[in-house]
Amino acid sequence: MSKAIFDQVENFAQDMMAAAEADNEVQFYALYEQLEALCNEYKGSKKDHPVLWETLADFSEDNDKAIIAYGEAYKLADQLKDNEYKASIQYSLAQRYLEEDRKSEAGDALEKAAKFASFTEDEELQREIQLLAESSG
């Protein structure tokens, strides 16, 4: 992925966080829609990347939409064979499933997250996955 796309996604995330902190729903939703449009524009192209879809999912207030976006992110991460993205996406997916009281799917996602995280150096993510597994089990 080009640095320009990563920077663009990072700017969207920062701007959406600022809008959320300022309780500026109009700005937040406008930025969210712009990010969603970017994801759809790049979908299936060389510019498509898990960071786009994972960020979109992270900022989605609708669990169903988030789960779909995490699915897109996971497909791309799997194609890249990127365990860190796969672990992060599965962890976030588990959280959304738990919010929907879909415990079986959450458990499956947590198992995958733990497996992929074990192949990374990200000890914080490994701890967060373990804590979520313990609290939801």
N, C-alpha and C. Protein backbone atom coordinates (compact mmCIF):
# COMPACT_ATOMS: atom_id res chain seq x y z
N MET A 1 0.86 -1.18 0.00
CA MET A 1 0.00 0.00 0.00
C MET A 1 0.89 1.23 0.00
N SER A 2 0.46 2.20 -0.73
CA SER A 2 1.27 3.42 -0.78
C SER A 2 1.14 4.21 0.52
N LYS A 3 2.19 4.92 0.83
CA LYS A 3 2.20 5.75 2.03
C LYS A 3 1.09 6.81 1.96
N ALA A 4 0.81 7.28 0.76
CA ALA A 4 -0.23 8.31 0.59
C ALA A 4 -1.59 7.79 1.05
N ILE A 5 -1.91 6.55 0.71
CA ILE A 5 -3.20 5.97 1.13
C ILE A 5 -3.22 5.79 2.64
N PHE A 6 -2.11 5.27 3.19
CA PHE A 6 -2.04 5.09 4.64
C PHE A 6 -2.22 6.43 5.35
N ASP A 7 -1.53 7.46 4.85
CA ASP A 7 -1.64 8.80 5.45
C ASP A 7 -3.07 9.32 5.34
N GLN A 8 -3.71 9.07 4.21
CA GLN A 8 -5.08 9.52 4.00
C GLN A 8 -6.02 8.85 5.01
N VAL A 9 -5.86 7.54 5.20
CA VAL A 9 -6.70 6.80 6.16
C VAL A 9 -6.41 7.29 7.58
N GLU A 10 -5.15 7.51 7.89
CA GLU A 10 -4.78 7.99 9.22
C GLU A 10 -5.41 9.37 9.48
N ASN A 11 -5.41 10.22 8.46
CA ASN A 11 -6.03 11.55 8.61
C ASN A 11 -7.53 11.44 8.83
N PHE A 12 -8.18 10.53 8.10
CA PHE A 12 -9.61 10.30 8.32
C PHE A 12 -9.85 9.88 9.76
N ALA A 13 -9.06 8.93 10.25
CA ALA A 13 -9.24 8.44 11.62
C ALA A 13 -9.06 9.56 12.64
N GLN A 14 -8.02 10.35 12.47
CA GLN A 14 -7.77 11.45 13.41
C GLN A 14 -8.91 12.47 13.37
N ASP A 15 -9.36 12.79 12.15
CA ASP A 15 -10.43 13.78 12.01
C ASP A 15 -11.75 13.25 12.57
N MET A 16 -12.02 11.95 12.38
CA MET A 16 -13.25 11.36 12.93
C MET A 16 -13.20 11.32 14.46
N MET A 17 -12.02 11.02 15.01
CA MET A 17 -11.87 11.02 16.46
C MET A 17 -12.11 12.43 17.01
N ALA A 18 -11.55 13.44 16.35
CA ALA A 18 -11.72 14.83 16.79
C ALA A 18 -13.19 15.23 16.71
N ALA A 19 -13.86 14.83 15.63
CA ALA A 19 -15.28 15.16 15.48
C ALA A 19 -16.11 14.47 16.57
N ALA A 20 -15.78 13.21 16.86
CA ALA A 20 -16.50 12.48 17.90
C ALA A 20 -16.29 13.12 19.27
N GLU A 21 -15.05 13.50 19.56
CA GLU A 21 -14.73 14.13 20.85
C GLU A 21 -15.43 15.48 21.00
N ALA A 22 -15.64 16.15 19.87
CA ALA A 22 -16.31 17.46 19.89
C ALA A 22 -17.83 17.32 19.75
N ASP A 23 -18.31 16.08 19.76
CA ASP A 23 -19.74 15.81 19.57
C ASP A 23 -20.29 16.45 18.29
N ASN A 24 -19.45 16.48 17.26
CA ASN A 24 -19.85 17.04 15.97
C ASN A 24 -20.27 15.89 15.05
N GLU A 25 -21.53 15.49 15.19
CA GLU A 25 -22.03 14.35 14.43
C GLU A 25 -22.04 14.62 12.93
N VAL A 26 -22.36 15.84 12.54
CA VAL A 26 -22.42 16.17 11.11
C VAL A 26 -21.06 15.94 10.47
N GLN A 27 -20.01 16.46 11.11
CA GLN A 27 -18.67 16.29 10.56
C GLN A 27 -18.26 14.81 10.60
N PHE A 28 -18.55 14.13 11.71
CA PHE A 28 -18.18 12.73 11.84
C PHE A 28 -18.79 11.91 10.70
N TYR A 29 -20.09 12.05 10.49
CA TYR A 29 -20.75 11.25 9.45
C TYR A 29 -20.30 11.64 8.06
N ALA A 30 -20.00 12.90 7.84
CA ALA A 30 -19.49 13.33 6.53
C ALA A 30 -18.13 12.68 6.26
N LEU A 31 -17.27 12.65 7.27
CA LEU A 31 -15.96 12.01 7.12
C LEU A 31 -16.10 10.50 6.93
N TYR A 32 -17.01 9.90 7.69
CA TYR A 32 -17.26 8.46 7.57
C TYR A 32 -17.70 8.12 6.15
N GLU A 33 -18.61 8.91 5.61
CA GLU A 33 -19.10 8.68 4.24
C GLU A 33 -17.98 8.84 3.22
N GLN A 34 -17.08 9.79 3.45
CA GLN A 34 -15.94 9.98 2.54
C GLN A 34 -15.01 8.77 2.60
N LEU A 35 -14.77 8.25 3.81
CA LEU A 35 -13.92 7.07 3.95
C LEU A 35 -14.58 5.87 3.30
N GLU A 36 -15.88 5.73 3.48
CA GLU A 36 -16.61 4.62 2.86
C GLU A 36 -16.53 4.71 1.34
N ALA A 37 -16.65 5.92 0.80
CA ALA A 37 -16.54 6.12 -0.65
C ALA A 37 -15.14 5.75 -1.14
N LEU A 38 -14.12 6.10 -0.36
CA LEU A 38 -12.75 5.75 -0.72
C LEU A 38 -12.57 4.24 -0.73
N CYS A 39 -13.10 3.57 0.28
CA CYS A 39 -13.03 2.10 0.33
C CYS A 39 -13.66 1.49 -0.91
N ASN A 40 -14.85 1.97 -1.24
CA ASN A 40 -15.55 1.43 -2.40
C ASN A 40 -14.85 1.77 -3.71
N GLU A 41 -14.23 2.94 -3.77
CA GLU A 41 -13.49 3.34 -4.97
C GLU A 41 -12.29 2.41 -5.19
N TYR A 42 -11.59 2.06 -4.11
CA TYR A 42 -10.39 1.24 -4.21
C TYR A 42 -10.67 -0.26 -4.20
N LYS A 43 -11.89 -0.64 -3.87
CA LYS A 43 -12.23 -2.06 -3.75
C LYS A 43 -11.87 -2.82 -5.02
N GLY A 44 -11.10 -3.87 -4.85
CA GLY A 44 -10.71 -4.71 -5.98
C GLY A 44 -9.55 -4.18 -6.80
N SER A 45 -9.04 -3.00 -6.45
CA SER A 45 -7.92 -2.42 -7.20
C SER A 45 -6.61 -2.68 -6.46
N LYS A 46 -5.52 -2.26 -7.06
CA LYS A 46 -4.22 -2.41 -6.42
C LYS A 46 -4.10 -1.56 -5.16
N LYS A 47 -4.97 -0.54 -5.04
CA LYS A 47 -4.92 0.34 -3.88
C LYS A 47 -5.73 -0.21 -2.70
N ASP A 48 -6.52 -1.26 -2.93
CA ASP A 48 -7.33 -1.85 -1.86
C ASP A 48 -6.40 -2.42 -0.79
N HIS A 49 -6.74 -2.19 0.48
CA HIS A 49 -5.88 -2.62 1.57
C HIS A 49 -6.70 -2.82 2.83
N PRO A 50 -6.31 -3.77 3.68
CA PRO A 50 -7.07 -4.02 4.91
C PRO A 50 -7.23 -2.79 5.80
N VAL A 51 -6.25 -1.90 5.81
CA VAL A 51 -6.33 -0.73 6.69
C VAL A 51 -7.54 0.15 6.35
N LEU A 52 -7.90 0.21 5.08
CA LEU A 52 -9.07 0.98 4.67
C LEU A 52 -10.34 0.43 5.33
N TRP A 53 -10.55 -0.86 5.14
CA TRP A 53 -11.78 -1.50 5.60
C TRP A 53 -11.80 -1.65 7.12
N GLU A 54 -10.65 -1.93 7.72
CA GLU A 54 -10.62 -2.05 9.18
C GLU A 54 -10.93 -0.71 9.83
N THR A 55 -10.41 0.36 9.27
CA THR A 55 -10.69 1.69 9.81
C THR A 55 -12.16 2.03 9.65
N LEU A 56 -12.71 1.72 8.48
CA LEU A 56 -14.14 1.96 8.26
C LEU A 56 -14.97 1.19 9.29
N ALA A 57 -14.62 -0.06 9.50
CA ALA A 57 -15.35 -0.89 10.46
C ALA A 57 -15.20 -0.35 11.88
N ASP A 58 -13.99 0.05 12.23
CA ASP A 58 -13.74 0.56 13.58
C ASP A 58 -14.62 1.76 13.90
N PHE A 59 -14.90 2.59 12.90
CA PHE A 59 -15.67 3.81 13.13
C PHE A 59 -17.16 3.63 12.85
N SER A 60 -17.55 2.44 12.44
CA SER A 60 -18.97 2.20 12.17
C SER A 60 -19.73 2.04 13.47
N GLU A 61 -20.85 2.73 13.56
CA GLU A 61 -21.70 2.60 14.74
C GLU A 61 -22.70 1.46 14.57
N ASP A 62 -22.79 0.93 13.38
CA ASP A 62 -23.71 -0.16 13.06
C ASP A 62 -22.90 -1.46 13.03
N ASN A 63 -23.20 -2.37 13.97
CA ASN A 63 -22.43 -3.61 14.06
C ASN A 63 -22.51 -4.45 12.79
N ASP A 64 -23.67 -4.49 12.15
CA ASP A 64 -23.79 -5.28 10.92
C ASP A 64 -22.88 -4.74 9.82
N LYS A 65 -22.86 -3.41 9.67
CA LYS A 65 -21.97 -2.79 8.68
C LYS A 65 -20.50 -3.03 9.04
N ALA A 66 -20.21 -2.94 10.33
CA ALA A 66 -18.83 -3.15 10.79
C ALA A 66 -18.38 -4.58 10.49
N ILE A 67 -19.25 -5.54 10.76
CA ILE A 67 -18.91 -6.95 10.53
C ILE A 67 -18.63 -7.19 9.05
N ILE A 68 -19.40 -6.58 8.19
CA ILE A 68 -19.17 -6.71 6.74
C ILE A 68 -17.83 -6.09 6.36
N ALA A 69 -17.55 -4.91 6.89
CA ALA A 69 -16.28 -4.24 6.57
C ALA A 69 -15.09 -5.03 7.12
N TYR A 70 -15.23 -5.58 8.32
CA TYR A 70 -14.15 -6.42 8.86
C TYR A 70 -13.93 -7.64 7.96
N GLY A 71 -15.02 -8.16 7.40
CA GLY A 71 -14.89 -9.29 6.46
C GLY A 71 -14.07 -8.91 5.24
N GLU A 72 -14.33 -7.72 4.71
CA GLU A 72 -13.53 -7.23 3.56
C GLU A 72 -12.06 -7.07 3.96
N ALA A 73 -11.84 -6.48 5.13
CA ALA A 73 -10.47 -6.28 5.61
C ALA A 73 -9.76 -7.61 5.79
N TYR A 74 -10.48 -8.59 6.35
CA TYR A 74 -9.86 -9.90 6.61
C TYR A 74 -9.48 -10.60 5.30
N LYS A 75 -10.35 -10.53 4.29
CA LYS A 75 -10.02 -11.15 3.01
C LYS A 75 -8.71 -10.58 2.46
N LEU A 76 -8.57 -9.27 2.53
CA LEU A 76 -7.35 -8.63 2.02
C LEU A 76 -6.13 -8.99 2.87
N ALA A 77 -6.30 -9.01 4.18
CA ALA A 77 -5.19 -9.36 5.07
C ALA A 77 -4.76 -10.80 4.83
N ASP A 78 -5.71 -11.67 4.58
CA ASP A 78 -5.41 -13.08 4.31
C ASP A 78 -4.63 -13.20 3.00
N GLN A 79 -5.03 -12.44 1.99
CA GLN A 79 -4.31 -12.44 0.71
C GLN A 79 -2.87 -11.98 0.90
N LEU A 80 -2.69 -11.00 1.80
CA LEU A 80 -1.34 -10.48 2.08
C LEU A 80 -0.56 -11.37 3.04
N LYS A 81 -1.26 -12.34 3.64
CA LYS A 81 -0.67 -13.22 4.66
C LYS A 81 -0.08 -12.40 5.81
N ASP A 82 -0.83 -11.37 6.21
CA ASP A 82 -0.38 -10.45 7.26
C ASP A 82 -1.06 -10.83 8.59
N ASN A 83 -0.31 -11.54 9.43
CA ASN A 83 -0.86 -12.04 10.69
C ASN A 83 -1.28 -10.93 11.64
N GLU A 84 -0.57 -9.82 11.63
CA GLU A 84 -0.92 -8.72 12.54
C GLU A 84 -2.29 -8.13 12.20
N TYR A 85 -2.52 -7.89 10.90
CA TYR A 85 -3.83 -7.41 10.49
C TYR A 85 -4.90 -8.45 10.79
N LYS A 86 -4.61 -9.71 10.46
CA LYS A 86 -5.60 -10.76 10.67
C LYS A 86 -5.97 -10.87 12.15
N ALA A 87 -4.98 -10.78 13.03
CA ALA A 87 -5.25 -10.85 14.47
C ALA A 87 -6.09 -9.67 14.93
N SER A 88 -5.72 -8.48 14.51
CA SER A 88 -6.43 -7.27 14.91
C SER A 88 -7.87 -7.29 14.41
N ILE A 89 -8.06 -7.70 13.19
CA ILE A 89 -9.39 -7.74 12.59
C ILE A 89 -10.26 -8.78 13.31
N GLN A 90 -9.71 -9.95 13.57
CA GLN A 90 -10.49 -10.99 14.26
C GLN A 90 -10.83 -10.57 15.68
N TYR A 91 -9.92 -9.87 16.35
CA TYR A 91 -10.18 -9.37 17.69
C TYR A 91 -11.35 -8.38 17.67
N SER A 92 -11.30 -7.43 16.74
CA SER A 92 -12.37 -6.43 16.63
C SER A 92 -13.69 -7.08 16.23
N LEU A 93 -13.60 -8.08 15.37
CA LEU A 93 -14.79 -8.81 14.96
C LEU A 93 -15.42 -9.51 16.17
N ALA A 94 -14.58 -10.10 17.01
CA ALA A 94 -15.08 -10.77 18.22
C ALA A 94 -15.82 -9.78 19.12
N GLN A 95 -15.27 -8.58 19.25
CA GLN A 95 -15.93 -7.56 20.07
C GLN A 95 -17.32 -7.24 19.52
N ARG A 96 -17.42 -7.09 18.22
CA ARG A 96 -18.71 -6.77 17.60
C ARG A 96 -19.69 -7.94 17.77
N TYR A 97 -19.20 -9.16 17.60
CA TYR A 97 -20.07 -10.33 17.80
C TYR A 97 -20.57 -10.38 19.24
N LEU A 98 -19.71 -10.08 20.19
CA LEU A 98 -20.14 -10.08 21.59
C LEU A 98 -21.21 -9.03 21.85
N GLU A 99 -21.07 -7.87 21.22
CA GLU A 99 -22.08 -6.82 21.37
C GLU A 99 -23.44 -7.28 20.83
N GLU A 100 -23.40 -8.18 19.87
CA GLU A 100 -24.63 -8.71 19.26
C GLU A 100 -25.07 -10.01 19.95
N ASP A 101 -24.37 -10.40 21.01
CA ASP A 101 -24.65 -11.63 21.75
C ASP A 101 -24.53 -12.87 20.87
N ARG A 102 -23.58 -12.81 19.95
CA ARG A 102 -23.30 -13.94 19.06
C ARG A 102 -22.03 -14.62 19.59
N LYS A 103 -22.20 -15.30 20.72
CA LYS A 103 -21.06 -15.84 21.47
C LYS A 103 -20.26 -16.89 20.71
N SER A 104 -20.91 -17.74 19.96
CA SER A 104 -20.20 -18.78 19.22
C SER A 104 -19.28 -18.16 18.17
N GLU A 105 -19.81 -17.19 17.41
CA GLU A 105 -18.99 -16.52 16.40
C GLU A 105 -17.89 -15.71 17.05
N ALA A 106 -18.18 -15.11 18.20
CA ALA A 106 -17.15 -14.35 18.93
C ALA A 106 -16.03 -15.29 19.37
N GLY A 107 -16.41 -16.45 19.87
CA GLY A 107 -15.40 -17.43 20.30
C GLY A 107 -14.52 -17.87 19.15
N ASP A 108 -15.13 -18.13 17.99
CA ASP A 108 -14.35 -18.52 16.80
C ASP A 108 -13.38 -17.41 16.40
N ALA A 109 -13.88 -16.17 16.41
CA ALA A 109 -13.03 -15.03 16.03
C ALA A 109 -11.89 -14.85 17.03
N LEU A 110 -12.17 -15.04 18.32
CA LEU A 110 -11.12 -14.91 19.34
C LEU A 110 -10.06 -16.00 19.18
N GLU A 111 -10.48 -17.21 18.86
CA GLU A 111 -9.51 -18.29 18.61
C GLU A 111 -8.58 -17.94 17.47
N LYS A 112 -9.17 -17.45 16.38
CA LYS A 112 -8.37 -17.04 15.22
C LYS A 112 -7.45 -15.89 15.60
N ALA A 113 -7.99 -14.91 16.32
CA ALA A 113 -7.19 -13.76 16.72
C ALA A 113 -5.99 -14.20 17.54
N ALA A 114 -6.21 -15.09 18.49
CA ALA A 114 -5.11 -15.58 19.34
C ALA A 114 -4.07 -16.32 18.51
N LYS A 115 -4.53 -17.14 17.58
CA LYS A 115 -3.60 -17.89 16.73
C LYS A 115 -2.74 -16.94 15.91
N PHE A 116 -3.37 -15.98 15.22
CA PHE A 116 -2.61 -15.05 14.38
C PHE A 116 -1.71 -14.16 15.22
N ALA A 117 -2.19 -13.71 16.37
CA ALA A 117 -1.39 -12.84 17.23
C ALA A 117 -0.15 -13.56 17.74
N SER A 118 -0.24 -14.88 17.91
CA SER A 118 0.92 -15.64 18.41
C SER A 118 2.09 -15.61 17.43
N PHE A 119 1.81 -15.27 16.18
CA PHE A 119 2.86 -15.18 15.17
C PHE A 119 3.41 -13.76 15.03
N THR A 120 2.98 -12.86 15.92
CA THR A 120 3.44 -11.47 15.85
C THR A 120 4.23 -11.12 17.10
N GLU A 121 4.81 -9.95 17.08
CA GLU A 121 5.54 -9.42 18.24
C GLU A 121 4.65 -8.51 19.09
N ASP A 122 3.38 -8.37 18.71
CA ASP A 122 2.48 -7.43 19.36
C ASP A 122 1.94 -8.01 20.67
N GLU A 123 2.69 -7.80 21.74
CA GLU A 123 2.31 -8.36 23.04
C GLU A 123 1.06 -7.69 23.60
N GLU A 124 0.86 -6.42 23.31
CA GLU A 124 -0.33 -5.72 23.80
C GLU A 124 -1.59 -6.33 23.18
N LEU A 125 -1.56 -6.58 21.88
CA LEU A 125 -2.70 -7.19 21.21
C LEU A 125 -2.94 -8.60 21.77
N GLN A 126 -1.88 -9.33 22.00
CA GLN A 126 -2.01 -10.68 22.57
C GLN A 126 -2.70 -10.62 23.93
N ARG A 127 -2.31 -9.64 24.76
CA ARG A 127 -2.94 -9.47 26.08
C ARG A 127 -4.41 -9.10 25.96
N GLU A 128 -4.71 -8.17 25.05
CA GLU A 128 -6.10 -7.74 24.88
C GLU A 128 -6.98 -8.90 24.42
N ILE A 129 -6.47 -9.72 23.54
CA ILE A 129 -7.22 -10.89 23.07
C ILE A 129 -7.47 -11.85 24.24
N GLN A 130 -6.42 -12.09 25.04
CA GLN A 130 -6.55 -12.97 26.19
C GLN A 130 -7.57 -12.45 27.19
N LEU A 131 -7.52 -11.14 27.47
CA LEU A 131 -8.47 -10.53 28.41
C LEU A 131 -9.91 -10.64 27.90
N LEU A 132 -10.10 -10.41 26.62
CA LEU A 132 -11.45 -10.50 26.07
C LEU A 132 -11.94 -11.95 26.13
N ALA A 133 -11.06 -12.89 25.85
CA ALA A 133 -11.43 -14.30 25.90
C ALA A 133 -11.82 -14.69 27.33
N GLU A 134 -11.06 -14.22 28.30
CA GLU A 134 -11.36 -14.53 29.70
C GLU A 134 -12.67 -13.90 30.16
N SER A 135 -12.91 -12.66 29.75
CA SER A 135 -14.12 -11.96 30.20
C SER A 135 -15.38 -12.42 29.50
N SER A 136 -15.22 -13.03 28.31
CA SER A 136 -16.41 -13.44 27.57
C SER A 136 -16.69 -14.93 27.71
N GLY A 137 -15.72 -15.66 28.26
CA GLY A 137 -15.86 -17.11 28.36
C GLY A 137 -16.73 -17.49 29.47
